Structures are given as structure tokens and as C-alpha cells.
Amino acid sequence: MTTGTRESFAGVGRLPEGIIYPELVHSGMVETLVQNTDAFNAASLNTIRSVTQRRKGDFAQESFFTNISNIVSRRLVNVSPANPDATALAVAAAENINVKVNRKIGPIDQTLDSFRKLGMGADLEVLSFLLGEQIAKAMQVEMLDSALRSIVASITAQASLIHDGDVTTAGLDTLDLVDGLSKFGDAANRVSMWVMHSKPFFELVKSQITANIDGISNFNVAQASPVTLNRPVLVTDSAALIDSSVSPTQYVTLGLVENAVVAEDSEEEMLYTDVITGKENLVTRLQGEYAYNIGCKGAAWDVTNGGINPDDATLATSTNWDKVATDVKDMGGIAIRSAL
């Protein structure tokens, strides 16, 4: 007779009779992913946007006219009678390129017997229903992480948009925020949202408490909310906000402008369930597919170097995002790096 542990049974989608507790209320059938994903659209002041736009192919390409250098200049008035020809200026064009990433859901297998032991009907829709919330949350987490990888890469590709804090002392402080904003110069007012990992967020709170910040900001500190130069903060513990490409590894705090990064739901989600036979126990299988495009303000995906359907590391490679904005102030924002 075959025996196994609770974990070994659960690991193959089988719940043996010995570990079913029929009197329990199964209100928490699935775990909920805990990373903060309330980040899109209004939650981030539209700095990180999620929209629906069906797209064919692997890229979305859009041309635009770049700024014309010296479009206004000094006119000569004392050149008579020659009155020479003026030099004509060209209207240059560039191209924004968004890249499509293709994703799958599952496949996930579960025995029909396990649902019957829970007192449920062996319906093919049961697995979809139970996992629906977790799948939706996982899709949000993955999309946010991909968007953040992309915008971090496109911004840090420009050295002039990076402020490096003191790597010998862990932490983010108020002066780092000021120095970061200074990278945008007279366009710093365009930066409307901070995006940071929870660790530098709480380090910022601690540094302001230690600095004995006076006045109305004391109320903010008392509420565990730091002073952030009149800009709200989105806190999410995304791995995309940890930069291991530098030594030592550092946190990245972003100051983003409106439409800094856009994730377009470009291919309709397809989710299917099926019954798998030929096994000792009947199995229901769930599998799905979808795709979305990612675009970063002022940067174009490098089709040659980055290719199609990039993985996480490729999305996070700065050289795969080419600056197409004439001025760095027309890009997605600034980056502040602080020690772990």
C-alpha cells in the first residue's frame, strides 16, 4: 500500500481522506499574494498606467517628431543689400517602440476526488473559481514587476538621471530625495510620485526622526509617514527595485512623471480547463495565456539587442532601452540608489 505525508499528497494536487476536516469552513481556500499591486493608474497618479489596447505582432511602433534645435535664432538685419539665404532646418523624426511580453497561467492540476472530499461537485469550473482571485493577483504582481524592471532600466541607462547615495551607510534620507529631484533641474515639478521598496521607505522615516524634523512634519513622522517633498509615495516590495547590476547591490527609489511606464493589455486572456484521463484518479487541468506590451516614456525598446518576448533579465537590461527623447527631462523620471 502506498503511503505519503500531507505535503507529498498536496504537492501533486491530491488531498487524501486522512487530512480532510469536513467541519472547517474553507473560506480561505487559497493564499493571497501579499505584494502591494495597487499601483496602476490613479493609485500612482498615472505614472504607472495599465490600459487595454489590442496589438498585433511583437512590437508596437509609433513615430513622432523630435524637438528642432535652434528653431528660434537671431535674425540679421544689417546684411543689405545681399540679404543672404537663411539655412533651412530639418524636421527630424524618431520612433517609440513598445515590446510585447507573452505569459502563461499554469498549467495547474488537481484531482476531481479532492473536490468531492471537500463536499464540492467535481465541476470543471470549480478550480477556475477557487484560483481566480490568486491568478488575478499574480497577474498584477507580474505586470507591475515587469513595468518597474523596464522603467528602472530605461532611466538608469542615463547616468545624468541617477543620484547615488552614500553606499557606505545604509539608508535613504531627505537629502537624497532633493538630490534626486535636482537631476530634472527646472523640470523637477514634473516628478509627481515616489516609488520605493519598504526598506528605504522606513529608513527615510527613521532618518527624519533622528534628524528631529520640526514643525508640521512631526505629525507625518508620528503617523510613520515621511516628509517626501510634497509628493506621495507608492511602496511595493518588488524585486525590480533592487539593483544587483552594481556593486554593492542597492535599492532603487524612483521619482516618476506622468505616463512614465505603460502596460497595455494587448492580447485577450484565454483560460481553459480540461479533464485528464488515463491516471488512477481523474484530474482537472487549468491553463491560460495572455500578453501585454510595455512602453517607457522617452525610450524605445531595442528590437535588435532585446529581441522579442524578453525575459525578466532582458527587460531589466539598460542597454535594451534606447533614449529617443531629445532631452532627458522628457524621460520617465529619476532614480536614487541607496545601500541595502
Protein backbone atom coordinates (compact mmCIF):
# COMPACT_ATOMS: atom_id res chain seq x y z
CA MET A 1 0.00 0.00 0.00
CA THR A 2 1.30 3.44 -0.91
CA THR A 3 1.57 5.98 1.88
CA GLY A 4 2.68 9.57 1.98
CA THR A 5 2.87 12.73 4.02
CA ARG A 6 0.35 15.55 3.95
CA GLU A 7 2.86 17.62 1.99
CA SER A 8 3.60 14.93 -0.59
CA PHE A 9 -0.10 14.41 -1.28
CA ALA A 10 -0.83 18.14 -1.53
CA GLY A 11 2.17 18.63 -3.81
CA VAL A 12 0.54 16.55 -6.55
CA GLY A 13 -2.93 18.03 -6.22
CA ARG A 14 -4.33 15.14 -4.16
CA LEU A 15 -5.98 15.57 -0.75
CA PRO A 16 -6.17 12.12 0.95
CA GLU A 17 -9.13 11.31 3.16
CA GLY A 18 -6.99 11.39 6.29
CA ILE A 19 -6.38 15.14 6.15
CA ILE A 20 -9.84 16.38 5.27
CA TYR A 21 -11.62 18.28 8.06
CA PRO A 22 -15.25 18.50 6.92
CA GLU A 23 -16.37 20.70 9.83
CA LEU A 24 -13.96 23.51 8.91
CA VAL A 25 -15.18 26.44 6.89
CA HIS A 26 -12.99 26.58 3.82
CA SER A 27 -13.23 30.34 3.38
CA GLY A 28 -9.51 30.62 2.82
CA MET A 29 -9.13 28.04 0.11
CA VAL A 30 -6.16 29.76 -1.50
CA GLU A 31 -3.42 32.04 -0.27
CA THR A 32 -3.46 35.63 -1.40
CA LEU A 33 -0.23 37.12 -2.71
CA VAL A 34 0.77 40.00 -0.44
CA GLN A 35 2.91 42.33 -2.57
CA ASN A 36 1.23 45.69 -2.98
CA THR A 37 -0.07 45.95 -6.53
CA ASP A 38 -2.44 48.87 -6.03
CA ALA A 39 -0.10 50.85 -8.23
CA PHE A 40 -1.69 51.39 -11.60
CA ASN A 41 -3.43 54.49 -12.94
CA ALA A 42 -4.97 56.73 -10.24
CA ALA A 43 -3.16 54.90 -7.43
CA SER A 44 0.16 56.13 -8.85
CA LEU A 45 -1.14 59.47 -10.17
CA ASN A 46 -0.99 57.88 -13.64
CA THR A 47 2.79 57.50 -13.53
CA ILE A 48 2.35 53.71 -13.91
CA ARG A 49 -0.54 53.02 -16.24
CA SER A 50 -2.43 49.90 -17.26
CA VAL A 51 -4.65 50.21 -20.33
CA THR A 52 -6.33 47.89 -22.80
CA GLN A 53 -5.07 48.22 -26.35
CA ARG A 54 -5.12 45.21 -28.65
CA ARG A 55 -1.83 44.90 -30.54
CA LYS A 56 -0.70 42.62 -33.38
CA GLY A 57 2.82 41.27 -33.61
CA ASP A 58 5.66 41.51 -31.11
CA PHE A 59 6.16 45.29 -31.01
CA ALA A 60 4.12 48.49 -31.13
CA GLN A 61 5.89 51.20 -33.14
CA GLU A 62 4.92 54.86 -33.26
CA SER A 63 6.79 57.68 -34.96
CA PHE A 64 6.99 61.23 -33.65
CA PHE A 65 8.75 64.49 -34.48
CA THR A 66 11.70 65.37 -32.27
CA ASN A 67 12.50 68.84 -30.99
CA ILE A 68 14.21 71.04 -33.58
CA SER A 69 17.45 72.50 -32.33
CA ASN A 70 17.77 76.30 -32.70
CA ILE A 71 14.25 76.63 -34.11
CA VAL A 72 14.35 80.23 -32.86
CA SER A 73 17.55 82.22 -33.52
CA ARG A 74 18.91 85.70 -34.04
CA ARG A 75 17.88 87.37 -37.29
CA LEU A 76 20.40 89.51 -39.17
CA VAL A 77 19.10 92.92 -40.15
CA ASN A 78 22.29 94.68 -41.31
CA VAL A 79 23.15 92.47 -44.29
CA SER A 80 21.62 94.59 -47.07
CA PRO A 81 21.78 94.62 -49.98
CA ALA A 82 22.96 90.99 -50.10
CA ASN A 83 20.13 89.67 -47.90
CA PRO A 84 21.56 86.09 -47.90
CA ASP A 85 19.51 82.91 -47.75
CA ALA A 86 18.69 81.54 -44.33
CA THR A 87 19.69 77.97 -43.50
CA ALA A 88 16.67 75.70 -43.58
CA LEU A 89 16.15 73.39 -40.62
CA ALA A 90 15.05 69.77 -40.96
CA VAL A 91 12.15 68.21 -39.07
CA ALA A 92 13.66 65.04 -37.64
CA ALA A 93 11.58 62.01 -36.69
CA ALA A 94 12.14 59.27 -34.14
CA GLU A 95 10.26 56.13 -33.13
CA ASN A 96 8.76 54.88 -29.89
CA ILE A 97 8.79 51.09 -29.64
CA ASN A 98 6.90 49.08 -27.03
CA VAL A 99 7.67 45.41 -26.56
CA LYS A 100 5.18 42.57 -26.08
CA VAL A 101 5.72 40.00 -23.34
CA ASN A 102 3.82 36.70 -23.50
CA ARG A 103 2.66 35.00 -20.33
CA LYS A 104 1.05 31.70 -19.35
CA ILE A 105 -1.13 30.67 -16.41
CA GLY A 106 -0.40 27.22 -15.07
CA PRO A 107 -0.89 24.51 -16.08
CA ILE A 108 -2.41 23.56 -12.72
CA ASP A 109 -3.57 20.01 -11.97
CA GLN A 110 -5.98 18.92 -9.23
CA THR A 111 -7.73 15.60 -8.73
CA LEU A 112 -11.51 15.66 -9.01
CA ASP A 113 -11.56 13.36 -5.98
CA SER A 114 -10.09 16.10 -3.80
CA PHE A 115 -13.08 18.36 -4.54
CA ARG A 116 -15.54 15.58 -3.68
CA LYS A 117 -13.75 15.05 -0.35
CA LEU A 118 -14.32 18.74 0.36
CA GLY A 119 -18.01 18.26 -0.30
CA MET A 120 -17.90 20.04 -3.64
CA GLY A 121 -19.14 18.91 -7.01
CA ALA A 122 -16.50 17.73 -9.43
CA ASP A 123 -17.20 20.60 -11.80
CA LEU A 124 -14.55 21.78 -14.27
CA GLU A 125 -15.30 25.37 -13.24
CA VAL A 126 -14.50 24.77 -9.56
CA LEU A 127 -10.74 25.03 -9.98
CA SER A 128 -11.10 28.22 -12.00
CA PHE A 129 -13.38 29.72 -9.35
CA LEU A 130 -11.14 28.83 -6.43
CA LEU A 131 -7.98 30.09 -8.05
CA GLY A 132 -9.48 33.10 -9.79
CA GLU A 133 -8.51 35.63 -7.12
CA GLN A 134 -4.99 34.27 -6.80
CA ILE A 135 -4.48 34.20 -10.55
CA ALA A 136 -5.71 37.79 -10.90
CA LYS A 137 -3.41 38.95 -8.10
CA ALA A 138 -0.46 37.05 -9.58
CA MET A 139 -1.07 38.69 -12.95
CA GLN A 140 -1.00 42.12 -11.28
CA VAL A 141 2.20 41.33 -9.39
CA GLU A 142 3.92 40.08 -12.53
CA MET A 143 2.79 43.04 -14.65
CA LEU A 144 3.88 45.58 -12.03
CA ASP A 145 7.26 43.92 -11.59
CA SER A 146 7.83 43.86 -15.36
CA ALA A 147 6.81 47.51 -15.67
CA LEU A 148 9.16 48.51 -12.85
CA ARG A 149 12.05 46.50 -14.31
CA SER A 150 11.55 48.33 -17.59
CA ILE A 151 11.31 51.86 -16.22
CA VAL A 152 14.27 51.31 -13.88
CA ALA A 153 16.32 50.10 -16.85
CA SER A 154 15.32 52.95 -19.14
CA ILE A 155 16.06 55.62 -16.51
CA THR A 156 19.33 54.16 -15.21
CA ALA A 157 20.59 53.90 -18.80
CA GLN A 158 21.08 57.69 -18.48
CA ALA A 159 23.81 58.46 -15.94
CA SER A 160 22.57 62.04 -15.62
CA LEU A 161 19.27 60.80 -14.17
CA ILE A 162 20.86 58.79 -11.33
CA HIS A 163 21.66 60.02 -7.85
CA ASP A 164 23.88 57.62 -5.92
CA GLY A 165 23.55 57.93 -2.17
CA ASP A 166 26.24 57.06 0.35
CA VAL A 167 26.80 53.35 -0.27
CA THR A 168 28.87 53.07 2.92
CA THR A 169 25.84 53.94 5.07
CA ALA A 170 22.60 52.06 4.63
CA GLY A 171 19.54 54.17 4.24
CA LEU A 172 17.63 56.79 2.32
CA ASP A 173 17.33 60.32 3.69
CA THR A 174 15.63 63.57 2.76
CA LEU A 175 18.75 64.98 1.11
CA ASP A 176 18.74 62.01 -1.28
CA LEU A 177 15.24 62.99 -2.40
CA VAL A 178 16.38 66.56 -3.01
CA ASP A 179 19.47 65.43 -4.91
CA GLY A 180 17.35 63.06 -6.97
CA LEU A 181 14.90 65.78 -7.97
CA SER A 182 17.80 68.04 -8.93
CA LYS A 183 18.55 65.65 -11.81
CA PHE A 184 15.48 67.06 -13.56
CA GLY A 185 16.59 70.62 -12.96
CA ASP A 186 13.88 73.17 -13.72
CA ALA A 187 11.54 70.33 -14.74
CA ALA A 188 11.58 68.76 -11.26
CA ASN A 189 7.94 69.76 -10.79
CA ARG A 190 7.06 67.10 -13.38
CA VAL A 191 8.09 64.39 -10.91
CA SER A 192 4.80 63.64 -9.16
CA MET A 193 5.29 60.26 -7.44
CA TRP A 194 7.94 58.36 -5.50
CA VAL A 195 8.09 54.58 -5.91
CA MET A 196 10.22 52.72 -3.39
CA HIS A 197 10.80 49.44 -1.58
CA SER A 198 9.53 49.33 2.01
CA LYS A 199 13.05 49.14 3.46
CA PRO A 200 14.28 52.55 2.21
CA PHE A 201 10.80 53.92 3.00
CA PHE A 202 11.13 53.08 6.69
CA GLU A 203 14.79 54.11 6.67
CA LEU A 204 13.61 57.52 5.48
CA VAL A 205 11.16 57.67 8.41
CA LYS A 206 13.94 56.78 10.85
CA SER A 207 16.38 59.29 9.41
CA GLN A 208 13.81 62.08 9.74
CA ILE A 209 13.06 61.11 13.34
CA THR A 210 16.80 61.10 14.10
CA ALA A 211 17.18 64.49 12.44
CA ASN A 212 14.47 65.89 14.76
CA ILE A 213 12.49 67.41 11.93
CA ASP A 214 10.50 70.36 13.28
CA GLY A 215 7.09 71.80 12.50
CA ILE A 216 4.19 70.21 10.71
CA SER A 217 6.37 67.33 9.50
CA ASN A 218 6.41 65.96 13.07
CA PHE A 219 2.80 64.92 12.54
CA ASN A 220 3.83 62.94 9.46
CA VAL A 221 6.59 61.17 11.36
CA ALA A 222 4.17 60.32 14.16
CA GLN A 223 1.99 58.59 11.58
CA ALA A 224 5.01 56.67 10.18
CA SER A 225 4.73 58.71 7.01
CA PRO A 226 7.89 60.55 6.00
CA VAL A 227 8.16 64.02 4.53
CA THR A 228 8.60 63.48 0.80
CA LEU A 229 8.76 66.99 -0.65
CA ASN A 230 5.02 67.20 -1.30
CA ARG A 231 4.96 64.04 -3.40
CA PRO A 232 3.08 60.86 -2.43
CA VAL A 233 4.87 57.54 -2.08
CA LEU A 234 3.97 54.18 -3.59
CA VAL A 235 5.56 51.42 -1.51
CA THR A 236 5.88 47.98 -3.08
CA ASP A 237 8.39 45.25 -2.24
CA SER A 238 9.21 44.47 -5.84
CA ALA A 239 12.48 42.75 -6.70
CA ALA A 240 12.68 45.20 -9.60
CA LEU A 241 13.60 47.90 -7.06
CA ILE A 242 16.76 46.03 -6.04
CA ASP A 243 19.67 46.68 -8.41
CA SER A 244 22.19 43.84 -8.40
CA SER A 245 23.95 45.13 -11.53
CA VAL A 246 26.01 47.48 -9.33
CA SER A 247 28.38 46.62 -6.52
CA PRO A 248 27.34 46.61 -3.77
CA THR A 249 23.73 45.74 -4.52
CA GLN A 250 21.47 48.73 -3.90
CA TYR A 251 17.84 49.73 -3.64
CA VAL A 252 16.40 51.92 -6.39
CA THR A 253 13.89 54.63 -5.50
CA LEU A 254 12.12 56.15 -8.47
CA GLY A 255 10.73 59.63 -8.94
CA LEU A 256 8.27 59.25 -11.82
CA VAL A 257 6.44 61.65 -14.13
CA GLU A 258 3.00 61.10 -15.62
CA ASN A 259 2.88 58.22 -18.14
CA ALA A 260 6.38 57.13 -17.14
CA VAL A 261 5.59 53.50 -17.96
CA VAL A 262 2.54 51.98 -19.63
CA ALA A 263 1.47 48.33 -19.64
CA GLU A 264 -1.03 47.64 -22.41
CA ASP A 265 -3.29 44.60 -22.18
CA SER A 266 -2.66 43.75 -25.82
CA GLU A 267 -3.95 40.16 -26.18
CA GLU A 268 -7.13 38.78 -24.68
CA GLU A 269 -6.73 36.37 -21.78
CA MET A 270 -7.60 32.76 -22.66
CA LEU A 271 -8.28 30.33 -19.80
CA TYR A 272 -9.24 26.69 -20.31
CA THR A 273 -9.97 23.68 -18.12
CA ASP A 274 -9.95 20.05 -19.17
CA VAL A 275 -10.21 16.57 -17.66
CA ILE A 276 -7.12 14.37 -17.87
CA THR A 277 -7.87 10.64 -18.04
CA GLY A 278 -5.63 7.57 -18.08
CA LYS A 279 -4.49 8.06 -14.48
CA GLU A 280 -5.53 6.32 -11.27
CA ASN A 281 -7.56 9.41 -10.35
CA LEU A 282 -9.25 11.80 -12.74
CA VAL A 283 -7.53 15.18 -12.90
CA THR A 284 -8.84 18.59 -13.89
CA ARG A 285 -6.24 20.83 -15.51
CA LEU A 286 -6.32 24.62 -15.84
CA GLN A 287 -4.09 26.55 -18.24
CA GLY A 288 -4.22 30.02 -19.73
CA GLU A 289 -2.37 32.52 -21.93
CA TYR A 290 -2.23 36.30 -22.30
CA ALA A 291 0.16 39.04 -23.38
CA TYR A 292 0.78 42.73 -22.79
CA ASN A 293 3.06 45.45 -24.16
CA ILE A 294 5.40 47.61 -22.09
CA GLY A 295 6.49 51.09 -23.08
CA CYS A 296 8.68 53.62 -21.25
CA LYS A 297 8.45 57.39 -21.69
CA GLY A 298 11.28 58.79 -23.79
CA ALA A 299 12.78 55.36 -24.52
CA ALA A 300 12.30 52.78 -27.27
CA TRP A 301 12.78 49.04 -27.00
CA ASP A 302 15.92 47.98 -28.87
CA VAL A 303 14.50 45.42 -31.29
CA THR A 304 17.92 44.18 -32.40
CA ASN A 305 19.52 43.72 -28.99
CA GLY A 306 16.44 42.98 -26.90
CA GLY A 307 14.56 40.81 -29.38
CA ILE A 308 11.02 39.52 -28.97
CA ASN A 309 9.26 38.30 -25.82
CA PRO A 310 12.07 39.32 -23.40
CA ASP A 311 12.57 37.56 -20.09
CA ASP A 312 12.97 39.44 -16.80
CA ALA A 313 16.74 39.91 -17.12
CA THR A 314 16.41 41.22 -20.67
CA LEU A 315 13.71 43.71 -19.68
CA ALA A 316 15.96 44.90 -16.85
CA THR A 317 19.00 45.45 -19.11
CA SER A 318 19.52 49.18 -19.57
CA THR A 319 21.13 48.88 -22.99
CA ASN A 320 17.91 47.35 -24.34
CA TRP A 321 16.10 50.68 -23.83
CA ASP A 322 17.33 53.37 -26.24
CA LYS A 323 16.83 57.04 -25.44
CA VAL A 324 14.68 58.65 -28.14
CA ALA A 325 13.73 61.83 -26.26
CA THR A 326 15.91 64.77 -27.22
CA ASP A 327 16.19 65.93 -23.60
CA VAL A 328 16.47 63.58 -20.60
CA LYS A 329 13.85 65.76 -18.89
CA ASP A 330 11.34 64.23 -21.32
CA MET A 331 12.01 60.75 -19.98
CA GLY A 332 10.16 58.81 -17.29
CA GLY A 333 11.83 60.27 -14.22
CA ILE A 334 14.86 59.95 -11.95
CA ALA A 335 16.44 57.15 -9.93
CA ILE A 336 18.01 57.26 -6.47
CA ARG A 337 20.23 54.38 -5.44
CA SER A 338 20.79 53.66 -1.73
CA ALA A 339 22.66 50.93 0.06
CA LEU A 340 20.92 47.81 1.34
